[in-house]
Structures are given as C-alpha cells and as structure tokens.
Amino acid sequence: MDENWLDLSGSGLTELPPVNLAGVTRAYLDRNRFTRFPERLTKAPGLTQLSLYHNELETLPGSLWRLTGLRVLNLAANRLTSLSPEIGRLSELHTLDLGHNLLTALPDTLGALPGLTEYLYLSGNRLTTLPDSLCGLHRLRYLGATDNGLTALPGEIGAMSALRELRLYGNRLGTLPESIGDLTALRELHLRGNAITTLPESITRLTELRLLDLRDNGLTELPGGIAELPKLDKLDLRWNRYLREPGWLAGLEARGCVVLR
C-alpha cells in the first residue's frame, strides 16, 4: 500500500484501527459503519483527500475543520442534518460532496470557499433554498442540487459564470431567475421534474448549451430564441402535457438536434 494512501473502505469499521497516520495524504473510509467522525484523522494534518461516503455520521466535530489542506471532501450518504459555518476554513477545497444526507440548510460560508472550482454536490437532501452566498462561487464548474425541495433559485445565480453543468431536477421550481442567462459557459441544464410553467427569455443567451432537459414540467410555450442556440444537440420536452409545440422544432431537428417530445 502506498504509504501516503489509507484505504479501509468496506471493512465494517465502527472505529479507526491503530494505523500509522503520519504522512497520510489520502484517506478512504467509505461504506463502513462510523457513527462518529474518527477524530484520529486530525493527526494527519497533511490530508488533501478524505472520503467517508456511506457511513452513519450524524454530526461532525470541530476538529474536522482544522484539516485546512483538504482539497476533496466526500461526506455523502450519511445522516447529517446540519453543516457548521466552520467549513469556510477549508480554503483549499475544490471538490465537496454532501449528497444524500438530511441537510435542511447550508451555511453562508459555503459560498466563500475560494478554491471550490470543480464539484459541489448537494442532491438528495431536504433543502428548500440555496443560500445567496453560493453565487460567490464564480469558478465552480459543476453544481448538483437535485431531489430536494427547492422552490426558487438565488436571484443572482448568473454570477456563477464558470458553471458548465447545472442539475436541478426533482425539485419544486416554478420559475427561473432572469440571471440564468448569464451562465454563458453552461453546457448542460437539467430541469426535469419541477413545476416550471415558463422560461425566461434570457435562457436564449446560453450559447454554449448542448443539452436542455425540460421533461415533466408544466410548460405551455417556449422562448423562440431556443431555436438559435448554436450548439444545442438535445432538447427533451417530454411529459409537458400542455405544451404548444412551436414550428421551429422542425428546424432544430433538421440541423441535427435531437428533440424528444
């Protein structure tokens, strides 16, 4: 085993065994039965990657936030109900997975993480809102917040101008903010299974968009400018029972865009 790499995944552990943590930079403790965060991990101050996916954690200790060199943190599929504002101390973090927990709110400090550039996964929680501070993540490329209870997005979400993929399916969104049109690097927009009845005209400014998934909403019409999106190659309109299909869909198909009705 690489002396810098600790992998005890799938070992049925409830406590961390007396392993040597000196020099460990990557620790993988997935699919165990930890109910408490193994605080001995703080004796590995050089940790850059830590994964505790699929355990039974309900709370996190303050000592976790002293691991300020972390770049990747995976806490998905646990039983977390809250997240400390102290997460704002992890200034090197570029990838954060909090999916499939029991979170009802997020701290504002999450949006002040300067290194969070690659991946933020919030899906499968109990969120009804996202903090406005998330709009400060100007360099984040991927945001997943599917299968929550979101009823609205932050009004300035367009400030997240580096986003390439935005996944919001399985929520309760009725509208999108006009600023969504400022996500000019966006390539995929997933909105399936919401309650959206109209789209803002600004969506026609998403000139890098390849995939637009609008399945299972309440749409009645579409902005005509969607026909002019130069890179769109898949448009999914299925299960919008009241949608009046515009004539320009045929033009999209003629140029090679797959339109699913």
C-alpha atoms as a PDB file:
ATOM      1  CA  MET A   1       0.000   0.000   0.000  1.00  0.00           C
ATOM      2  CA  ASP A   2       1.168   3.499  -0.826  1.00  0.00           C
ATOM      3  CA  GLU A   3       2.313   4.972   2.491  1.00  0.00           C
ATOM      4  CA  ASN A   4       0.516   8.199   1.615  1.00  0.00           C
ATOM      5  CA  TRP A   5      -2.762   6.413   0.894  1.00  0.00           C
ATOM      6  CA  LEU A   6      -5.052   4.841   3.503  1.00  0.00           C
ATOM      7  CA  ASP A   7      -7.939   2.775   2.115  1.00  0.00           C
ATOM      8  CA  LEU A   8     -10.146   0.932   4.618  1.00  0.00           C
ATOM      9  CA  SER A   9     -13.343   1.053   2.595  1.00  0.00           C
ATOM     10  CA  GLY A  10     -15.955  -1.659   3.038  1.00  0.00           C
ATOM     11  CA  SER A  11     -14.361  -3.033   6.200  1.00  0.00           C
ATOM     12  CA  GLY A  12     -17.371  -2.828   8.545  1.00  0.00           C
ATOM     13  CA  LEU A  13     -15.500  -0.445  10.826  1.00  0.00           C
ATOM     14  CA  THR A  14     -17.086   1.479  13.682  1.00  0.00           C
ATOM     15  CA  GLU A  15     -13.770   2.889  14.893  1.00  0.00           C
ATOM     16  CA  LEU A  16     -10.494   3.691  13.193  1.00  0.00           C
ATOM     17  CA  PRO A  17      -7.898   0.978  13.919  1.00  0.00           C
ATOM     18  CA  PRO A  18      -4.472   1.970  15.279  1.00  0.00           C
ATOM     19  CA  VAL A  19      -2.882   2.625  11.912  1.00  0.00           C
ATOM     20  CA  ASN A  20       0.037   4.958  11.358  1.00  0.00           C
ATOM     21  CA  LEU A  21      -1.345   8.228  10.008  1.00  0.00           C
ATOM     22  CA  ALA A  22       1.949  10.037   9.704  1.00  0.00           C
ATOM     23  CA  GLY A  23       2.368  11.259   6.155  1.00  0.00           C
ATOM     24  CA  VAL A  24      -1.072  10.112   5.008  1.00  0.00           C
ATOM     25  CA  THR A  25      -2.461  12.495   2.384  1.00  0.00           C
ATOM     26  CA  ARG A  26      -5.458  10.484   1.126  1.00  0.00           C
ATOM     27  CA  ALA A  27      -7.886   8.541   3.336  1.00  0.00           C
ATOM     28  CA  TYR A  28     -10.805   6.478   2.051  1.00  0.00           C
ATOM     29  CA  LEU A  29     -13.160   5.110   4.716  1.00  0.00           C
ATOM     30  CA  ASP A  30     -16.234   4.555   2.573  1.00  0.00           C
ATOM     31  CA  ARG A  31     -19.001   2.029   3.233  1.00  0.00           C
ATOM     32  CA  ASN A  32     -18.255   1.439   6.886  1.00  0.00           C
ATOM     33  CA  ARG A  33     -20.382   1.943   9.996  1.00  0.00           C
ATOM     34  CA  PHE A  34     -18.872   5.015  11.607  1.00  0.00           C
ATOM     35  CA  THR A  35     -21.445   6.824  13.731  1.00  0.00           C
ATOM     36  CA  ARG A  36     -18.859   9.344  14.923  1.00  0.00           C
ATOM     37  CA  PHE A  37     -16.178  11.073  12.933  1.00  0.00           C
ATOM     38  CA  PRO A  38     -12.845   9.306  13.590  1.00  0.00           C
ATOM     39  CA  GLU A  39     -11.032  12.200  15.222  1.00  0.00           C
ATOM     40  CA  ARG A  40      -7.687  10.465  14.985  1.00  0.00           C
ATOM     41  CA  LEU A  41      -7.716  11.613  11.383  1.00  0.00           C
ATOM     42  CA  THR A  42      -6.753  15.040  12.641  1.00  0.00           C
ATOM     43  CA  LYS A  43      -3.355  13.511  13.413  1.00  0.00           C
ATOM     44  CA  ALA A  44      -2.840  13.503   9.637  1.00  0.00           C
ATOM     45  CA  PRO A  45      -2.625  17.252   9.056  1.00  0.00           C
ATOM     46  CA  GLY A  46      -1.323  16.634   5.540  1.00  0.00           C
ATOM     47  CA  LEU A  47      -4.643  15.172   4.357  1.00  0.00           C
ATOM     48  CA  THR A  48      -5.704  16.511   0.976  1.00  0.00           C
ATOM     49  CA  GLN A  49      -8.433  13.942   0.212  1.00  0.00           C
ATOM     50  CA  LEU A  50     -10.898  12.464   2.696  1.00  0.00           C
ATOM     51  CA  SER A  51     -13.860  10.255   1.869  1.00  0.00           C
ATOM     52  CA  LEU A  52     -16.386   8.949   4.392  1.00  0.00           C
ATOM     53  CA  TYR A  53     -19.072   8.085   1.880  1.00  0.00           C
ATOM     54  CA  HIS A  54     -21.888   5.805   3.056  1.00  0.00           C
ATOM     55  CA  ASN A  55     -21.392   5.709   6.804  1.00  0.00           C
ATOM     56  CA  GLU A  56     -23.759   6.620   9.646  1.00  0.00           C
ATOM     57  CA  LEU A  57     -22.432  10.020  10.683  1.00  0.00           C
ATOM     58  CA  GLU A  58     -25.000  12.336  12.265  1.00  0.00           C
ATOM     59  CA  THR A  59     -22.685  15.142  13.362  1.00  0.00           C
ATOM     60  CA  LEU A  60     -19.206  16.440  12.553  1.00  0.00           C
ATOM     61  CA  PRO A  61     -16.665  17.606  15.140  1.00  0.00           C
ATOM     62  CA  GLY A  62     -14.949  20.979  15.107  1.00  0.00           C
ATOM     63  CA  SER A  63     -11.631  19.208  14.649  1.00  0.00           C
ATOM     64  CA  LEU A  64     -12.556  18.333  11.067  1.00  0.00           C
ATOM     65  CA  TRP A  65     -12.332  21.979  10.042  1.00  0.00           C
ATOM     66  CA  ARG A  66      -8.709  22.104  11.194  1.00  0.00           C
ATOM     67  CA  LEU A  67      -7.763  19.948   8.208  1.00  0.00           C
ATOM     68  CA  THR A  68      -7.290  23.087   6.172  1.00  0.00           C
ATOM     69  CA  GLY A  69      -5.253  21.363   3.457  1.00  0.00           C
ATOM     70  CA  LEU A  70      -8.237  19.314   2.274  1.00  0.00           C
ATOM     71  CA  ARG A  71      -8.928  19.609  -1.426  1.00  0.00           C
ATOM     72  CA  VAL A  72     -11.501  16.810  -1.766  1.00  0.00           C
ATOM     73  CA  LEU A  73     -14.100  16.022   0.913  1.00  0.00           C
ATOM     74  CA  ASN A  74     -16.794  13.381   0.439  1.00  0.00           C
ATOM     75  CA  LEU A  75     -19.416  13.102   3.185  1.00  0.00           C
ATOM     76  CA  ALA A  76     -22.215  11.757   1.000  1.00  0.00           C
ATOM     77  CA  ALA A  77     -24.758   9.157   2.122  1.00  0.00           C
ATOM     78  CA  ASN A  78     -24.589   9.777   5.835  1.00  0.00           C
ATOM     79  CA  ARG A  79     -27.195  11.171   8.256  1.00  0.00           C
ATOM     80  CA  LEU A  80     -26.005  14.739   8.600  1.00  0.00           C
ATOM     81  CA  THR A  81     -28.696  17.283   9.463  1.00  0.00           C
ATOM     82  CA  SER A  82     -26.534  20.411   9.612  1.00  0.00           C
ATOM     83  CA  LEU A  83     -23.200  21.780   8.464  1.00  0.00           C
ATOM     84  CA  SER A  84     -21.037  24.086  10.543  1.00  0.00           C
ATOM     85  CA  PRO A  85     -20.097  27.539   9.227  1.00  0.00           C
ATOM     86  CA  GLU A  86     -16.554  26.455  10.080  1.00  0.00           C
ATOM     87  CA  ILE A  87     -16.420  24.719   6.721  1.00  0.00           C
ATOM     88  CA  GLY A  88     -15.387  28.134   5.467  1.00  0.00           C
ATOM     89  CA  ARG A  89     -11.921  27.406   6.840  1.00  0.00           C
ATOM     90  CA  LEU A  90     -11.279  24.808   4.120  1.00  0.00           C
ATOM     91  CA  SER A  91      -9.907  27.336   1.676  1.00  0.00           C
ATOM     92  CA  GLU A  92      -8.145  24.721  -0.491  1.00  0.00           C
ATOM     93  CA  LEU A  93     -11.276  22.647  -1.116  1.00  0.00           C
ATOM     94  CA  HIS A  94     -12.096  22.204  -4.813  1.00  0.00           C
ATOM     95  CA  THR A  95     -14.494  19.225  -4.597  1.00  0.00           C
ATOM     96  CA  LEU A  96     -17.255  18.784  -1.997  1.00  0.00           C
ATOM     97  CA  ASP A  97     -19.867  16.032  -1.888  1.00  0.00           C
ATOM     98  CA  LEU A  98     -22.675  16.407   0.661  1.00  0.00           C
ATOM     99  CA  GLY A  99     -25.265  14.443  -1.262  1.00  0.00           C
ATOM    100  CA  HIS A 100     -27.848  12.102   0.229  1.00  0.00           C
ATOM    101  CA  ASN A 101     -27.857  13.389   3.777  1.00  0.00           C
ATOM    102  CA  LEU A 102     -30.629  15.095   5.777  1.00  0.00           C
ATOM    103  CA  LEU A 103     -29.487  18.691   5.390  1.00  0.00           C
ATOM    104  CA  THR A 104     -32.224  21.342   5.613  1.00  0.00           C
ATOM    105  CA  ALA A 105     -29.969  24.403   5.248  1.00  0.00           C
ATOM    106  CA  LEU A 106     -26.445  25.365   4.244  1.00  0.00           C
ATOM    107  CA  PRO A 107     -24.134  27.895   5.893  1.00  0.00           C
ATOM    108  CA  ASP A 108     -23.374  31.125   4.058  1.00  0.00           C
ATOM    109  CA  THR A 109     -19.662  30.387   4.395  1.00  0.00           C
ATOM    110  CA  LEU A 110     -20.015  27.656   1.775  1.00  0.00           C
ATOM    111  CA  GLY A 111     -20.195  30.357  -0.861  1.00  0.00           C
ATOM    112  CA  ALA A 112     -16.953  31.936   0.325  1.00  0.00           C
ATOM    113  CA  LEU A 113     -14.705  28.934  -0.365  1.00  0.00           C
ATOM    114  CA  PRO A 114     -12.192  30.415  -2.815  1.00  0.00           C
ATOM    115  CA  GLY A 115     -10.918  27.077  -4.115  1.00  0.00           C
ATOM    116  CA  LEU A 116     -14.297  25.431  -4.788  1.00  0.00           C
ATOM    117  CA  THR A 117     -13.916  25.165  -8.533  1.00  0.00           C
ATOM    118  CA  GLU A 118     -14.681  21.589  -9.609  1.00  0.00           C
ATOM    119  CA  TYR A 119     -17.706  19.983  -7.998  1.00  0.00           C
ATOM    120  CA  LEU A 120     -20.403  20.758  -5.441  1.00  0.00           C
ATOM    121  CA  TYR A 121     -22.963  18.002  -4.932  1.00  0.00           C
ATOM    122  CA  LEU A 122     -25.997  18.696  -2.740  1.00  0.00           C
ATOM    123  CA  SER A 123     -28.516  16.254  -4.180  1.00  0.00           C
ATOM    124  CA  GLY A 124     -30.850  14.109  -2.126  1.00  0.00           C
ATOM    125  CA  ASN A 125     -31.122  16.334   0.924  1.00  0.00           C
ATOM    126  CA  ARG A 126     -34.050  18.319   2.377  1.00  0.00           C
ATOM    127  CA  LEU A 127     -33.108  21.751   1.126  1.00  0.00           C
ATOM    128  CA  THR A 128     -35.860  24.224   0.292  1.00  0.00           C
ATOM    129  CA  THR A 129     -33.488  27.095  -0.539  1.00  0.00           C
ATOM    130  CA  LEU A 130     -29.886  27.631  -1.542  1.00  0.00           C
ATOM    131  CA  PRO A 131     -28.041  30.459   0.199  1.00  0.00           C
ATOM    132  CA  ASP A 132     -27.495  33.585  -1.875  1.00  0.00           C
ATOM    133  CA  SER A 133     -23.839  33.320  -0.925  1.00  0.00           C
ATOM    134  CA  LEU A 134     -23.418  30.370  -3.311  1.00  0.00           C
ATOM    135  CA  CYS A 135     -23.471  32.920  -6.099  1.00  0.00           C
ATOM    136  CA  GLY A 136     -20.000  33.881  -4.926  1.00  0.00           C
ATOM    137  CA  LEU A 137     -18.619  30.622  -6.328  1.00  0.00           C
ATOM    138  CA  HIS A 138     -17.569  32.312  -9.538  1.00  0.00           C
ATOM    139  CA  ARG A 139     -15.216  29.497 -10.624  1.00  0.00           C
ATOM    140  CA  LEU A 140     -17.355  26.436  -9.820  1.00  0.00           C
ATOM    141  CA  ARG A 141     -17.923  24.178 -12.846  1.00  0.00           C
ATOM    142  CA  TYR A 142     -20.497  21.648 -11.585  1.00  0.00           C
ATOM    143  CA  LEU A 143     -23.455  22.150  -9.250  1.00  0.00           C
ATOM    144  CA  GLY A 144     -25.865  19.329  -8.458  1.00  0.00           C
ATOM    145  CA  ALA A 145     -28.845  20.072  -6.211  1.00  0.00           C
ATOM    146  CA  THR A 146     -31.333  17.512  -7.497  1.00  0.00           C
ATOM    147  CA  ASP A 147     -34.034  15.772  -5.475  1.00  0.00           C
ATOM    148  CA  ASN A 148     -34.505  18.389  -2.800  1.00  0.00           C
ATOM    149  CA  GLY A 149     -37.469  20.684  -2.173  1.00  0.00           C
ATOM    150  CA  LEU A 150     -36.158  23.840  -3.827  1.00  0.00           C
ATOM    151  CA  THR A 151     -38.906  26.305  -4.701  1.00  0.00           C
ATOM    152  CA  ALA A 152     -36.642  29.064  -6.050  1.00  0.00           C
ATOM    153  CA  LEU A 153     -33.040  29.723  -7.021  1.00  0.00           C
ATOM    154  CA  PRO A 154     -30.882  32.608  -5.799  1.00  0.00           C
ATOM    155  CA  GLY A 155     -31.675  35.643  -7.925  1.00  0.00           C
ATOM    156  CA  GLU A 156     -28.037  36.210  -8.822  1.00  0.00           C
ATOM    157  CA  ILE A 157     -27.231  32.632  -9.813  1.00  0.00           C
ATOM    158  CA  GLY A 158     -25.886  34.045 -13.073  1.00  0.00           C
ATOM    159  CA  ALA A 159     -22.817  35.214 -11.149  1.00  0.00           C
ATOM    160  CA  MET A 160     -21.675  31.561 -11.086  1.00  0.00           C
ATOM    161  CA  SER A 161     -20.348  32.251 -14.539  1.00  0.00           C
ATOM    162  CA  ALA A 162     -17.994  29.251 -14.820  1.00  0.00           C
ATOM    163  CA  LEU A 163     -20.754  26.653 -14.426  1.00  0.00           C
ATOM    164  CA  ARG A 164     -20.723  24.056 -17.186  1.00  0.00           C
ATOM    165  CA  GLU A 165     -23.295  21.706 -15.723  1.00  0.00           C
ATOM    166  CA  LEU A 166     -26.297  22.587 -13.558  1.00  0.00           C
ATOM    167  CA  ARG A 167     -28.524  19.786 -12.317  1.00  0.00           C
ATOM    168  CA  LEU A 168     -31.770  20.790 -10.608  1.00  0.00           C
ATOM    169  CA  TYR A 169     -34.194  18.006 -11.447  1.00  0.00           C
ATOM    170  CA  GLY A 170     -36.618  16.657  -8.860  1.00  0.00           C
ATOM    171  CA  ASN A 171     -37.370  19.933  -7.076  1.00  0.00           C
ATOM    172  CA  ARG A 172     -40.367  22.292  -6.874  1.00  0.00           C
ATOM    173  CA  LEU A 173     -39.123  25.150  -9.001  1.00  0.00           C
ATOM    174  CA  GLY A 174     -41.869  27.218 -10.612  1.00  0.00           C
ATOM    175  CA  THR A 175     -39.676  29.806 -12.325  1.00  0.00           C
ATOM    176  CA  LEU A 176     -36.039  30.537 -13.097  1.00  0.00           C
ATOM    177  CA  PRO A 177     -34.353  33.871 -12.374  1.00  0.00           C
ATOM    178  CA  GLU A 178     -33.597  36.119 -15.329  1.00  0.00           C
ATOM    179  CA  SER A 179     -29.909  35.980 -14.427  1.00  0.00           C
ATOM    180  CA  ILE A 180     -29.765  32.342 -15.562  1.00  0.00           C
ATOM    181  CA  GLY A 181     -28.932  33.762 -18.980  1.00  0.00           C
ATOM    182  CA  ASP A 182     -25.592  34.949 -17.613  1.00  0.00           C
ATOM    183  CA  LEU A 183     -24.344  31.362 -17.273  1.00  0.00           C
ATOM    184  CA  THR A 184     -22.686  31.670 -20.644  1.00  0.00           C
ATOM    185  CA  ALA A 185     -20.313  28.715 -20.105  1.00  0.00           C
ATOM    186  CA  LEU A 186     -23.195  26.321 -19.338  1.00  0.00           C
ATOM    187  CA  ARG A 187     -23.297  23.149 -21.436  1.00  0.00           C
ATOM    188  CA  GLU A 188     -25.962  21.114 -19.636  1.00  0.00           C
ATOM    189  CA  LEU A 189     -29.102  22.332 -17.861  1.00  0.00           C
ATOM    190  CA  HIS A 190     -31.210  19.647 -16.191  1.00  0.00           C
ATOM    191  CA  LEU A 191     -34.665  20.776 -15.023  1.00  0.00           C
ATOM    192  CA  ARG A 192     -36.743  17.590 -15.200  1.00  0.00           C
ATOM    193  CA  GLY A 193     -39.485  17.056 -12.636  1.00  0.00           C
ATOM    194  CA  ASN A 194     -40.170  20.589 -11.447  1.00  0.00           C
ATOM    195  CA  ALA A 195     -43.241  22.833 -11.770  1.00  0.00           C
ATOM    196  CA  ILE A 196     -41.893  25.302 -14.333  1.00  0.00           C
ATOM    197  CA  THR A 197     -44.598  26.916 -16.490  1.00  0.00           C
ATOM    198  CA  THR A 198     -42.495  29.485 -18.372  1.00  0.00           C
ATOM    199  CA  LEU A 199     -38.846  30.029 -19.163  1.00  0.00           C
ATOM    200  CA  PRO A 200     -37.147  33.432 -19.050  1.00  0.00           C
ATOM    201  CA  GLU A 201     -36.130  34.866 -22.403  1.00  0.00           C
ATOM    202  CA  SER A 202     -32.599  35.112 -21.082  1.00  0.00           C
ATOM    203  CA  ILE A 203     -32.213  31.358 -21.487  1.00  0.00           C
ATOM    204  CA  THR A 204     -31.657  32.063 -25.172  1.00  0.00           C
ATOM    205  CA  ARG A 205     -28.275  33.608 -24.287  1.00  0.00           C
ATOM    206  CA  LEU A 206     -26.842  30.228 -23.262  1.00  0.00           C
ATOM    207  CA  THR A 207     -24.826  29.879 -26.432  1.00  0.00           C
ATOM    208  CA  GLU A 208     -22.649  27.007 -25.133  1.00  0.00           C
ATOM    209  CA  LEU A 209     -25.659  24.878 -24.188  1.00  0.00           C
ATOM    210  CA  ARG A 210     -25.630  21.335 -25.576  1.00  0.00           C
ATOM    211  CA  LEU A 211     -28.373  19.688 -23.514  1.00  0.00           C
ATOM    212  CA  LEU A 212     -31.601  21.204 -22.196  1.00  0.00           C
ATOM    213  CA  ASP A 213     -33.785  18.770 -20.248  1.00  0.00           C
ATOM    214  CA  LEU A 214     -37.272  20.153 -19.560  1.00  0.00           C
ATOM    215  CA  ARG A 215     -39.137  16.898 -19.005  1.00  0.00           C
ATOM    216  CA  ASP A 216     -42.092  16.654 -16.644  1.00  0.00           C
ATOM    217  CA  ASN A 217     -42.848  20.320 -16.028  1.00  0.00           C
ATOM    218  CA  GLY A 218     -45.901  22.496 -16.701  1.00  0.00           C
ATOM    219  CA  LEU A 219     -44.630  24.361 -19.751  1.00  0.00           C
ATOM    220  CA  THR A 220     -47.159  25.794 -22.181  1.00  0.00           C
ATOM    221  CA  GLU A 221     -44.731  27.561 -24.542  1.00  0.00           C
ATOM    222  CA  LEU A 222     -41.037  28.019 -25.245  1.00  0.00           C
ATOM    223  CA  PRO A 223     -38.939  31.115 -25.982  1.00  0.00           C
ATOM    224  CA  GLY A 224     -38.377  31.201 -29.736  1.00  0.00           C
ATOM    225  CA  GLY A 225     -34.704  32.024 -29.282  1.00  0.00           C
ATOM    226  CA  ILE A 226     -34.008  28.439 -28.219  1.00  0.00           C
ATOM    227  CA  ALA A 227     -34.051  27.649 -31.938  1.00  0.00           C
ATOM    228  CA  GLU A 228     -30.974  29.848 -32.343  1.00  0.00           C
ATOM    229  CA  LEU A 229     -28.809  28.203 -29.683  1.00  0.00           C
ATOM    230  CA  PRO A 230     -25.880  27.231 -31.921  1.00  0.00           C
ATOM    231  CA  LYS A 231     -24.597  24.168 -30.035  1.00  0.00           C
ATOM    232  CA  LEU A 232     -27.825  22.660 -28.743  1.00  0.00           C
ATOM    233  CA  ASP A 233     -27.888  18.988 -29.725  1.00  0.00           C
ATOM    234  CA  LYS A 234     -30.530  17.579 -27.357  1.00  0.00           C
ATOM    235  CA  LEU A 235     -33.812  19.134 -26.255  1.00  0.00           C
ATOM    236  CA  ASP A 236     -36.085  16.980 -24.098  1.00  0.00           C
ATOM    237  CA  LEU A 237     -39.680  18.193 -23.869  1.00  0.00           C
ATOM    238  CA  ARG A 238     -41.457  15.008 -22.842  1.00  0.00           C
ATOM    239  CA  TRP A 239     -44.296  14.988 -20.306  1.00  0.00           C
ATOM    240  CA  ASN A 240     -45.224  18.660 -20.677  1.00  0.00           C
ATOM    241  CA  ARG A 241     -48.836  17.852 -21.486  1.00  0.00           C
ATOM    242  CA  TYR A 242     -49.972  21.429 -22.151  1.00  0.00           C
ATOM    243  CA  LEU A 243     -47.017  22.490 -24.288  1.00  0.00           C
ATOM    244  CA  ARG A 244     -47.895  24.021 -27.638  1.00  0.00           C
ATOM    245  CA  GLU A 245     -45.114  22.742 -29.860  1.00  0.00           C
ATOM    246  CA  PRO A 246     -43.617  25.571 -31.907  1.00  0.00           C
ATOM    247  CA  GLY A 247     -42.969  25.168 -35.601  1.00  0.00           C
ATOM    248  CA  TRP A 248     -39.287  25.896 -35.223  1.00  0.00           C
ATOM    249  CA  LEU A 249     -38.683  22.496 -33.615  1.00  0.00           C
ATOM    250  CA  ALA A 250     -38.524  21.056 -37.126  1.00  0.00           C
ATOM    251  CA  GLY A 251     -35.655  23.402 -37.935  1.00  0.00           C
ATOM    252  CA  LEU A 252     -33.734  22.239 -34.862  1.00  0.00           C
ATOM    253  CA  GLU A 253     -34.172  18.647 -35.913  1.00  0.00           C
ATOM    254  CA  ALA A 254     -33.139  19.419 -39.469  1.00  0.00           C
ATOM    255  CA  ARG A 255     -29.789  20.692 -38.296  1.00  0.00           C
ATOM    256  CA  GLY A 256     -29.210  17.537 -36.184  1.00  0.00           C
ATOM    257  CA  CYS A 257     -30.571  18.416 -32.757  1.00  0.00           C
ATOM    258  CA  VAL A 258     -32.400  15.518 -31.100  1.00  0.00           C
ATOM    259  CA  VAL A 259     -35.829  16.757 -29.949  1.00  0.00           C
ATOM    260  CA  LEU A 260     -37.737  14.407 -27.650  1.00  0.00           C
ATOM    261  CA  ARG A 261     -41.455  15.122 -27.397  1.00  0.00           C
END
